[in-house]
């Protein structure tokens, strides 16, 4: 995996280019609610991390620090609620089963979009490409219209937004929701899925966007 942070999009390339500090490698705080680590904290050293009790303030820092060392892809989970597209950025996405085909994602209970997605009974997971840090930031923001500058089309089965330029998408119905601590574990049954544009993935590691190219 490349050690360099993903650079900001080139404004000369055209297309919507929201200006975010996060596009230069420093993710916005709301992303941390989706388990993207915590670069905003003064991360303690490996020596200080060892033996920290879970639940203690320093233990919480250690928890986020250590788990922030697990590199993962970045997704946007979408749905259409009462005719309006909704979405959230989520790092915690995984396959669960091949037969039947199941996946999971883990939204924070403080998310504004998740209750709306839950009400629809379905969702689409969009796998972000390396040049889509701005999409991740947009969908993690608290803006009123996250889709104003994001091109999308409805998925073939649920009608959930499939974002333009992603590496692929997975269209699902909600199979089960398990309450776990301050997050929900959402199990989705896959209805259809497809690879989209070829390219490198957007990766998140230790508080920075990165990629594998």
Foldseek 3Di string as FASTA:
>chain_A
DDPDFQAQDDVVVDADGDDDPQNHWFADPLVVQQLLAPLPDPQDDPVQLPPDDPPDPNVVSSVRQVSLQDKFFKKKKWAAAPNAIAIAIHRAKAWDDVVQTKIKTKGFPPDPRVVRCVVLQWIKIFFAASNCSVLNRLNSDPDPRSCPRWDFFADPPRGITHTPPTQKMFIWGFPDWDDDPRIIITMTGTPDMDTDDDHWGFMRHSRTTDTDD
